[in-house]
């Protein structure tokens, strides 16, 4: 389920495609300005995409840890309330 969400997110963020075209000129403008703008814009887009993926990774890890501790909490409550 989470991997499917990441695949759908990658259609919006396009991190893989942006990284593949990182050093190519922007809009196929093969002048120095096209290369410079392409590198700058794609670098910013890659950093934003990585920040989004990192945020979602930590949120999913937090949700998993909470989910994993639910049985421990329930058992703890059973023994405390005996």
Protein backbone atom coordinates (compact mmCIF):
# COMPACT_ATOMS: atom_id res chain seq x y z
CA UNK A 1 0.00 0.00 0.00
CA UNK A 2 2.75 2.46 0.94
CA UNK A 3 4.86 1.47 -2.06
CA UNK A 4 1.88 2.08 -4.33
CA UNK A 5 1.50 5.51 -2.76
CA UNK A 6 5.18 6.23 -3.42
CA UNK A 7 4.78 5.16 -7.04
CA UNK A 8 1.85 7.54 -7.46
CA UNK A 9 3.83 10.29 -5.73
CA UNK A 10 6.74 9.72 -8.10
CA UNK A 11 4.46 10.61 -11.00
CA UNK A 12 4.13 14.06 -9.42
CA UNK A 13 7.63 14.53 -8.00
CA UNK A 14 9.43 12.71 -10.89
CA UNK A 15 12.59 12.31 -8.85
CA UNK A 16 13.97 9.47 -10.97
CA UNK A 17 13.42 11.30 -14.26
CA UNK A 18 14.81 14.55 -12.87
CA UNK A 19 17.94 12.79 -11.61
CA UNK A 20 18.36 11.07 -14.98
CA UNK A 21 18.26 14.43 -16.79
CA UNK A 22 20.17 16.36 -14.12
CA UNK A 23 23.05 17.52 -16.32
CA UNK A 24 21.05 18.03 -19.50
CA UNK A 25 20.07 21.53 -20.60
CA UNK A 26 16.68 22.92 -19.73
CA UNK A 27 14.17 22.74 -22.62
CA UNK A 28 17.00 21.50 -24.86
CA UNK A 29 18.62 24.93 -24.91
CA UNK A 30 22.21 23.90 -25.52
CA UNK A 31 23.70 27.27 -24.61
CA UNK A 32 25.57 27.79 -21.36
CA UNK A 33 22.47 29.44 -19.88
CA UNK A 34 20.34 26.39 -20.73
CA UNK A 35 22.84 24.11 -18.99
CA UNK A 36 23.11 26.45 -16.01
CA UNK A 37 19.36 26.90 -15.53
CA UNK A 38 18.77 23.19 -16.07
CA UNK A 39 21.28 22.29 -13.38
CA UNK A 40 19.92 24.87 -10.92
CA UNK A 41 16.23 24.03 -11.39
CA UNK A 42 16.77 20.29 -11.36
CA UNK A 43 18.98 20.48 -8.28
CA UNK A 44 16.25 22.38 -6.44
CA UNK A 45 13.62 19.92 -7.65
CA UNK A 46 15.75 16.94 -6.55
CA UNK A 47 16.29 18.46 -3.09
CA UNK A 48 12.58 19.15 -2.66
CA UNK A 49 11.72 15.62 -3.83
CA UNK A 50 14.23 14.08 -1.43
CA UNK A 51 12.81 16.18 1.42
CA UNK A 52 9.30 14.95 0.60
CA UNK A 53 10.42 11.32 0.48
CA UNK A 54 12.42 11.68 3.70
CA UNK A 55 9.45 13.26 5.49
CA UNK A 56 7.12 10.48 4.33
CA UNK A 57 9.68 7.86 5.35
CA UNK A 58 9.88 9.19 8.90
CA UNK A 59 6.10 9.52 9.15
CA UNK A 60 5.66 5.91 8.02
CA UNK A 61 8.33 4.71 10.47
CA UNK A 62 6.55 6.58 13.27
CA UNK A 63 3.20 5.04 12.35
CA UNK A 64 4.78 1.59 12.21
CA UNK A 65 6.38 2.01 15.64
CA UNK A 66 3.05 3.14 17.13
CA UNK A 67 1.30 0.18 15.49
CA UNK A 68 3.95 -2.25 16.78
CA UNK A 69 3.61 -1.02 20.37
CA UNK A 70 -0.18 -1.38 20.53
CA UNK A 71 -0.02 -5.07 21.62
CA UNK A 72 2.65 -4.27 24.21
CA UNK A 73 0.49 -1.46 25.58
CA UNK A 74 -2.60 -3.67 25.70
CA UNK A 75 -0.71 -6.43 27.57
CA UNK A 76 0.73 -3.83 29.94
CA UNK A 77 -2.75 -2.47 30.67
CA UNK A 78 -4.09 -5.99 31.29
CA UNK A 79 -1.39 -6.70 33.89
CA UNK A 80 -1.67 -3.28 35.54
CA UNK A 81 -5.42 -3.56 35.99
CA UNK A 82 -5.48 -7.07 37.44
